[in-house]
Each structure stands twice: as C-alpha cells, then as structure tokens.
Amino acid sequence: MLSTLLLSATTKTSSGSSFFLPVLLGIFILVYFLVLRPRQKAAQKQRQGGTELSVGDEVVTIGGVRGVVVAVGDELVTIATGQMPGDDASTSSVTHITFIRKAIGQVIPPPAPPEAPEEFKGDPDES
C-alpha cells in the first residue's frame, strides 16, 4: 500500500513538471519574438543607417535635428540646418553642425515625383 502511494505521488509530480517546462519554454519564445528580436533589428538598422550616407541626403538625428548632409567623414557627418529646400533664403540662415555617425537616426527618402493624371498618360497600345 505504501509503495502504491509513493508511486502515485511521484507520478503526479513528474507530470506537473513535464507540463510546466514546455509552457515556460513557449513563454520565453513568445517574449523573444515580440520584444527582443524587434529591438535587435531596430538597433541593427540604426547601425547600418549611419554608414550609408552621402552628400545631399536629408537626415534626422536621434535628437530630432533635421538637415541636409554637406560633408561625410569616417566618423563624423556635417549637416546643414536652418534653410531647407523650398525655404526663402532671406528669412532663414544656414547652420552647419557636426555629428558622429551613430547620432544620425534616419535618412529621409526623397519625395516621389507626382504621377501624370490618367487623361494625359495615353495608351501605349494605340500607337
């Protein structure tokens, strides 16, 4: 009788731990894909973003300063702020600020050219 009682107690304990381990592993995997992996990808993208700069790119720093790249070095990037394309030159002044590459948060893509309205496109099959 005592051996049956010990056997049943041992069986219940092992089945509880065999259920707990996969649940804990599943929670860890879920946290990894929802929290840790996106952070790693964002950090990697930021590291790569600072290396793909060229003169004339419009950028925003991690501090929120917006400007146009005027000089690119190995470790330093100089941007011009103040007068942006389309601004009136008489009302704004240009300021050059030098940042380390890691301080460049993102490169703003140039605006896409507007498409012609449908009535002006014409059908290429009509020719």
N, C-alpha and C. Protein backbone atom coordinates (compact mmCIF):
# COMPACT_ATOMS: atom_id res chain seq x y z
N MET A 1 0.82 -1.19 0.00
CA MET A 1 0.00 0.00 0.00
C MET A 1 0.86 1.25 0.00
N LEU A 2 1.92 1.24 0.79
CA LEU A 2 2.81 2.37 0.88
C LEU A 2 3.53 2.61 -0.45
N SER A 3 3.93 1.52 -1.12
CA SER A 3 4.61 1.67 -2.41
C SER A 3 3.66 2.24 -3.46
N THR A 4 2.38 1.90 -3.41
CA THR A 4 1.39 2.45 -4.35
C THR A 4 1.21 3.94 -4.11
N LEU A 5 1.16 4.35 -2.87
CA LEU A 5 1.02 5.75 -2.52
C LEU A 5 2.24 6.55 -2.97
N LEU A 6 3.45 6.04 -2.78
CA LEU A 6 4.66 6.72 -3.22
C LEU A 6 4.73 6.79 -4.74
N LEU A 7 4.31 5.75 -5.42
CA LEU A 7 4.32 5.72 -6.88
C LEU A 7 3.36 6.75 -7.46
N SER A 8 2.17 6.86 -6.87
CA SER A 8 1.20 7.84 -7.37
C SER A 8 1.67 9.27 -7.08
N ALA A 9 2.30 9.50 -5.96
CA ALA A 9 2.81 10.84 -5.64
C ALA A 9 3.94 11.22 -6.59
N THR A 10 4.81 10.28 -6.90
CA THR A 10 5.91 10.53 -7.82
C THR A 10 5.39 10.80 -9.22
N THR A 11 4.39 10.08 -9.65
CA THR A 11 3.82 10.24 -10.98
C THR A 11 3.18 11.61 -11.13
N LYS A 12 2.44 12.09 -10.14
CA LYS A 12 1.79 13.39 -10.21
C LYS A 12 2.82 14.51 -10.27
N THR A 13 3.89 14.40 -9.54
CA THR A 13 4.92 15.44 -9.52
C THR A 13 5.63 15.52 -10.87
N SER A 14 5.96 14.39 -11.45
CA SER A 14 6.67 14.41 -12.72
C SER A 14 5.77 14.89 -13.85
N SER A 15 4.48 14.59 -13.82
CA SER A 15 3.60 15.06 -14.89
C SER A 15 3.38 16.57 -14.79
N GLY A 16 3.40 17.12 -13.57
CA GLY A 16 3.27 18.56 -13.41
C GLY A 16 4.49 19.29 -13.94
N SER A 17 5.67 18.76 -13.67
CA SER A 17 6.89 19.42 -14.16
C SER A 17 7.04 19.22 -15.66
N SER A 18 6.56 18.12 -16.20
CA SER A 18 6.66 17.92 -17.64
C SER A 18 5.71 18.85 -18.40
N PHE A 19 4.67 19.32 -17.74
CA PHE A 19 3.77 20.28 -18.36
C PHE A 19 4.31 21.70 -18.20
N PHE A 20 4.97 21.98 -17.08
CA PHE A 20 5.45 23.32 -16.79
C PHE A 20 6.61 23.73 -17.69
N LEU A 21 7.51 22.82 -17.98
CA LEU A 21 8.69 23.13 -18.79
C LEU A 21 8.32 23.58 -20.21
N PRO A 22 7.46 22.89 -20.95
CA PRO A 22 7.09 23.38 -22.29
C PRO A 22 6.36 24.73 -22.25
N VAL A 23 5.55 24.95 -21.23
CA VAL A 23 4.84 26.23 -21.11
C VAL A 23 5.85 27.36 -20.89
N LEU A 24 6.82 27.12 -20.01
CA LEU A 24 7.85 28.12 -19.75
C LEU A 24 8.68 28.39 -21.00
N LEU A 25 9.01 27.35 -21.73
CA LEU A 25 9.76 27.49 -22.97
C LEU A 25 8.94 28.26 -24.00
N GLY A 26 7.66 27.99 -24.09
CA GLY A 26 6.78 28.71 -25.02
C GLY A 26 6.68 30.19 -24.68
N ILE A 27 6.61 30.52 -23.41
CA ILE A 27 6.55 31.92 -22.99
C ILE A 27 7.85 32.63 -23.35
N PHE A 28 8.98 31.97 -23.13
CA PHE A 28 10.27 32.56 -23.48
C PHE A 28 10.36 32.82 -24.98
N ILE A 29 9.94 31.88 -25.80
CA ILE A 29 9.97 32.06 -27.26
C ILE A 29 9.05 33.20 -27.67
N LEU A 30 7.89 33.30 -27.07
CA LEU A 30 6.95 34.37 -27.38
C LEU A 30 7.55 35.73 -27.03
N VAL A 31 8.16 35.85 -25.87
CA VAL A 31 8.78 37.11 -25.45
C VAL A 31 9.93 37.46 -26.39
N TYR A 32 10.69 36.45 -26.80
CA TYR A 32 11.80 36.70 -27.72
C TYR A 32 11.31 37.31 -29.02
N PHE A 33 10.28 36.72 -29.63
CA PHE A 33 9.82 37.20 -30.92
C PHE A 33 9.02 38.50 -30.83
N LEU A 34 8.40 38.78 -29.70
CA LEU A 34 7.60 40.00 -29.59
C LEU A 34 8.38 41.18 -29.03
N VAL A 35 9.43 40.93 -28.25
CA VAL A 35 10.14 42.04 -27.60
C VAL A 35 11.61 42.11 -28.03
N LEU A 36 12.34 41.05 -27.82
CA LEU A 36 13.79 41.10 -28.02
C LEU A 36 14.20 41.20 -29.48
N ARG A 37 13.61 40.42 -30.34
CA ARG A 37 14.00 40.41 -31.75
C ARG A 37 13.73 41.75 -32.43
N PRO A 38 12.55 42.38 -32.24
CA PRO A 38 12.35 43.70 -32.86
C PRO A 38 13.36 44.74 -32.37
N ARG A 39 13.75 44.68 -31.11
CA ARG A 39 14.76 45.63 -30.60
C ARG A 39 16.10 45.40 -31.27
N GLN A 40 16.47 44.13 -31.47
CA GLN A 40 17.75 43.84 -32.12
C GLN A 40 17.74 44.32 -33.56
N LYS A 41 16.63 44.11 -34.26
CA LYS A 41 16.53 44.55 -35.66
C LYS A 41 16.58 46.08 -35.76
N ALA A 42 15.92 46.78 -34.85
CA ALA A 42 15.94 48.24 -34.86
C ALA A 42 17.35 48.77 -34.59
N ALA A 43 18.05 48.15 -33.66
CA ALA A 43 19.43 48.57 -33.37
C ALA A 43 20.34 48.31 -34.56
N GLN A 44 20.16 47.17 -35.21
CA GLN A 44 20.97 46.86 -36.38
C GLN A 44 20.68 47.83 -37.51
N LYS A 45 19.42 48.17 -37.71
CA LYS A 45 19.04 49.11 -38.76
C LYS A 45 19.63 50.48 -38.49
N GLN A 46 19.64 50.90 -37.22
CA GLN A 46 20.22 52.19 -36.87
C GLN A 46 21.72 52.19 -37.10
N ARG A 47 22.40 51.08 -36.77
CA ARG A 47 23.83 51.00 -37.00
C ARG A 47 24.15 51.08 -38.49
N GLN A 48 23.35 50.42 -39.32
CA GLN A 48 23.58 50.44 -40.76
C GLN A 48 23.19 51.78 -41.37
N GLY A 49 22.20 52.44 -40.80
CA GLY A 49 21.74 53.71 -41.34
C GLY A 49 22.81 54.78 -41.31
N GLY A 50 23.67 54.77 -40.30
CA GLY A 50 24.72 55.76 -40.20
C GLY A 50 25.84 55.56 -41.19
N THR A 51 25.97 54.40 -41.78
CA THR A 51 27.07 54.13 -42.69
C THR A 51 26.71 54.37 -44.15
N GLU A 52 25.46 54.48 -44.47
CA GLU A 52 25.03 54.63 -45.85
C GLU A 52 24.64 56.08 -46.14
N LEU A 53 25.51 57.01 -45.82
CA LEU A 53 25.23 58.43 -46.02
C LEU A 53 26.03 58.96 -47.19
N SER A 54 25.43 59.92 -47.89
CA SER A 54 26.15 60.62 -48.95
C SER A 54 25.74 62.09 -48.91
N VAL A 55 26.56 62.93 -49.50
CA VAL A 55 26.29 64.36 -49.52
C VAL A 55 24.97 64.61 -50.26
N GLY A 56 24.12 65.43 -49.65
CA GLY A 56 22.83 65.76 -50.25
C GLY A 56 21.66 65.00 -49.63
N ASP A 57 21.94 63.96 -48.83
CA ASP A 57 20.87 63.21 -48.17
C ASP A 57 20.22 64.07 -47.09
N GLU A 58 18.91 64.01 -46.98
CA GLU A 58 18.21 64.68 -45.90
C GLU A 58 18.10 63.69 -44.75
N VAL A 59 18.51 64.11 -43.54
CA VAL A 59 18.58 63.22 -42.39
C VAL A 59 17.92 63.84 -41.17
N VAL A 60 17.60 62.97 -40.21
CA VAL A 60 17.13 63.39 -38.90
C VAL A 60 18.02 62.69 -37.88
N THR A 61 18.54 63.46 -36.93
CA THR A 61 19.40 62.87 -35.91
C THR A 61 18.55 62.22 -34.82
N ILE A 62 19.19 61.48 -33.93
CA ILE A 62 18.45 60.85 -32.85
C ILE A 62 17.91 61.87 -31.87
N GLY A 63 18.45 63.09 -31.92
CA GLY A 63 17.95 64.18 -31.07
C GLY A 63 16.85 64.98 -31.72
N GLY A 64 16.54 64.68 -33.01
CA GLY A 64 15.45 65.36 -33.69
C GLY A 64 15.88 66.52 -34.58
N VAL A 65 17.18 66.71 -34.77
CA VAL A 65 17.67 67.78 -35.64
C VAL A 65 17.56 67.31 -37.08
N ARG A 66 16.94 68.14 -37.91
CA ARG A 66 16.74 67.78 -39.32
C ARG A 66 17.64 68.65 -40.18
N GLY A 67 18.27 68.04 -41.18
CA GLY A 67 19.16 68.81 -42.04
C GLY A 67 19.59 68.01 -43.25
N VAL A 68 20.46 68.63 -44.04
CA VAL A 68 20.98 68.03 -45.27
C VAL A 68 22.47 67.78 -45.07
N VAL A 69 22.94 66.58 -45.44
CA VAL A 69 24.34 66.21 -45.29
C VAL A 69 25.19 67.04 -46.26
N VAL A 70 26.21 67.73 -45.73
CA VAL A 70 27.11 68.52 -46.57
C VAL A 70 28.52 67.95 -46.60
N ALA A 71 28.89 67.13 -45.60
CA ALA A 71 30.21 66.50 -45.58
C ALA A 71 30.12 65.19 -44.82
N VAL A 72 30.81 64.17 -45.35
CA VAL A 72 30.81 62.85 -44.72
C VAL A 72 32.25 62.42 -44.53
N GLY A 73 32.60 62.08 -43.28
CA GLY A 73 33.93 61.56 -42.97
C GLY A 73 33.82 60.14 -42.46
N ASP A 74 34.94 59.61 -41.96
CA ASP A 74 34.93 58.24 -41.43
C ASP A 74 34.06 58.12 -40.20
N GLU A 75 34.21 59.06 -39.27
CA GLU A 75 33.45 59.01 -38.01
C GLU A 75 32.49 60.17 -37.85
N LEU A 76 32.65 61.25 -38.63
CA LEU A 76 31.85 62.46 -38.45
C LEU A 76 31.02 62.78 -39.68
N VAL A 77 29.86 63.38 -39.44
CA VAL A 77 28.95 63.81 -40.50
C VAL A 77 28.56 65.25 -40.21
N THR A 78 28.69 66.12 -41.20
CA THR A 78 28.28 67.52 -41.03
C THR A 78 26.99 67.73 -41.80
N ILE A 79 26.00 68.31 -41.10
CA ILE A 79 24.73 68.59 -41.76
C ILE A 79 24.46 70.09 -41.69
N ALA A 80 23.73 70.57 -42.69
CA ALA A 80 23.32 71.98 -42.74
C ALA A 80 21.87 72.04 -42.28
N THR A 81 21.59 72.89 -41.31
CA THR A 81 20.23 73.06 -40.81
C THR A 81 19.82 74.51 -41.00
N GLY A 82 18.57 74.79 -40.80
CA GLY A 82 18.07 76.15 -40.91
C GLY A 82 17.33 76.34 -42.20
N GLN A 83 18.03 76.45 -43.30
CA GLN A 83 17.39 76.65 -44.59
C GLN A 83 17.24 75.30 -45.29
N MET A 84 16.01 74.90 -45.47
CA MET A 84 15.73 73.63 -46.12
C MET A 84 15.30 73.91 -47.57
N PRO A 85 15.35 72.92 -48.43
CA PRO A 85 14.92 73.14 -49.81
C PRO A 85 13.50 73.69 -49.85
N GLY A 86 13.32 74.76 -50.59
CA GLY A 86 12.00 75.38 -50.70
C GLY A 86 11.80 76.55 -49.75
N ASP A 87 12.73 76.77 -48.80
CA ASP A 87 12.62 77.90 -47.88
C ASP A 87 13.10 79.18 -48.55
N ASP A 88 12.62 80.31 -48.07
CA ASP A 88 13.05 81.61 -48.55
C ASP A 88 14.42 81.91 -47.95
N ALA A 89 15.42 82.18 -48.78
CA ALA A 89 16.78 82.38 -48.31
C ALA A 89 16.92 83.65 -47.47
N SER A 90 16.06 84.61 -47.66
CA SER A 90 16.19 85.87 -46.93
C SER A 90 15.69 85.78 -45.50
N THR A 91 14.87 84.78 -45.18
CA THR A 91 14.30 84.69 -43.83
C THR A 91 14.95 83.63 -42.96
N SER A 92 15.86 82.84 -43.49
CA SER A 92 16.49 81.80 -42.67
C SER A 92 17.99 81.77 -42.93
N SER A 93 18.73 81.31 -41.94
CA SER A 93 20.18 81.21 -42.09
C SER A 93 20.58 79.75 -41.97
N VAL A 94 21.69 79.42 -42.59
CA VAL A 94 22.18 78.04 -42.58
C VAL A 94 23.19 77.87 -41.45
N THR A 95 23.06 76.80 -40.71
CA THR A 95 23.99 76.46 -39.65
C THR A 95 24.54 75.07 -39.92
N HIS A 96 25.85 74.91 -39.83
CA HIS A 96 26.48 73.60 -40.01
C HIS A 96 26.75 73.00 -38.65
N ILE A 97 26.32 71.75 -38.46
CA ILE A 97 26.55 71.04 -37.21
C ILE A 97 27.21 69.71 -37.54
N THR A 98 28.23 69.35 -36.77
CA THR A 98 28.93 68.10 -36.98
C THR A 98 28.49 67.09 -35.92
N PHE A 99 28.14 65.89 -36.37
CA PHE A 99 27.69 64.80 -35.50
C PHE A 99 28.56 63.57 -35.76
N ILE A 100 28.59 62.67 -34.77
CA ILE A 100 29.18 61.36 -35.03
C ILE A 100 28.16 60.55 -35.83
N ARG A 101 28.62 59.59 -36.59
CA ARG A 101 27.71 58.81 -37.45
C ARG A 101 26.58 58.14 -36.69
N LYS A 102 26.87 57.67 -35.47
CA LYS A 102 25.85 56.97 -34.69
C LYS A 102 24.70 57.88 -34.29
N ALA A 103 24.89 59.19 -34.36
CA ALA A 103 23.83 60.13 -33.98
C ALA A 103 22.82 60.36 -35.09
N ILE A 104 23.10 59.87 -36.29
CA ILE A 104 22.14 60.01 -37.39
C ILE A 104 21.08 58.93 -37.22
N GLY A 105 19.84 59.36 -36.97
CA GLY A 105 18.76 58.42 -36.70
C GLY A 105 18.19 57.79 -37.95
N GLN A 106 17.90 58.61 -38.97
CA GLN A 106 17.32 58.06 -40.19
C GLN A 106 17.59 58.98 -41.37
N VAL A 107 17.58 58.40 -42.55
CA VAL A 107 17.69 59.15 -43.79
C VAL A 107 16.28 59.28 -44.35
N ILE A 108 15.89 60.51 -44.64
CA ILE A 108 14.55 60.75 -45.19
C ILE A 108 14.62 60.54 -46.70
N PRO A 109 13.80 59.63 -47.23
CA PRO A 109 13.84 59.39 -48.68
C PRO A 109 13.31 60.61 -49.44
N PRO A 110 13.85 60.86 -50.63
CA PRO A 110 13.34 61.99 -51.42
C PRO A 110 11.90 61.73 -51.84
N PRO A 111 11.11 62.80 -51.99
CA PRO A 111 9.71 62.60 -52.37
C PRO A 111 9.61 62.03 -53.78
N ALA A 112 8.63 61.18 -53.98
CA ALA A 112 8.41 60.58 -55.30
C ALA A 112 7.83 61.64 -56.23
N PRO A 113 8.21 61.63 -57.51
CA PRO A 113 7.64 62.61 -58.44
C PRO A 113 6.15 62.34 -58.63
N PRO A 114 5.36 63.39 -58.75
CA PRO A 114 3.92 63.18 -58.92
C PRO A 114 3.63 62.52 -60.26
N GLU A 115 2.63 61.67 -60.26
CA GLU A 115 2.24 60.98 -61.49
C GLU A 115 1.32 61.86 -62.31
N ALA A 116 1.38 61.69 -63.61
CA ALA A 116 0.50 62.45 -64.51
C ALA A 116 -0.92 61.90 -64.38
N PRO A 117 -1.93 62.76 -64.51
CA PRO A 117 -3.31 62.28 -64.47
C PRO A 117 -3.58 61.29 -65.60
N GLU A 118 -4.57 60.45 -65.41
CA GLU A 118 -4.90 59.40 -66.39
C GLU A 118 -5.17 59.95 -67.78
N GLU A 119 -5.79 61.12 -67.87
CA GLU A 119 -6.14 61.66 -69.18
C GLU A 119 -4.93 62.07 -69.99
N PHE A 120 -3.76 62.30 -69.34
CA PHE A 120 -2.56 62.70 -70.05
C PHE A 120 -1.59 61.55 -70.28
N LYS A 121 -1.83 60.41 -69.69
CA LYS A 121 -0.90 59.30 -69.82
C LYS A 121 -0.92 58.69 -71.22
N GLY A 122 -2.08 58.51 -71.78
CA GLY A 122 -2.18 57.91 -73.09
C GLY A 122 -2.02 56.40 -73.01
N ASP A 123 -2.53 55.69 -73.99
CA ASP A 123 -2.47 54.24 -74.01
C ASP A 123 -1.35 53.82 -74.94
N PRO A 124 -0.37 53.07 -74.51
CA PRO A 124 0.74 52.67 -75.38
C PRO A 124 0.30 51.75 -76.50
N ASP A 125 -0.85 51.10 -76.39
CA ASP A 125 -1.31 50.18 -77.42
C ASP A 125 -1.96 50.91 -78.59
N GLU A 126 -2.28 52.20 -78.44
CA GLU A 126 -2.96 52.95 -79.51
C GLU A 126 -2.02 53.28 -80.65
N SER A 127 -0.71 53.33 -80.45
CA SER A 127 0.23 53.74 -81.50
C SER A 127 0.38 52.73 -82.57
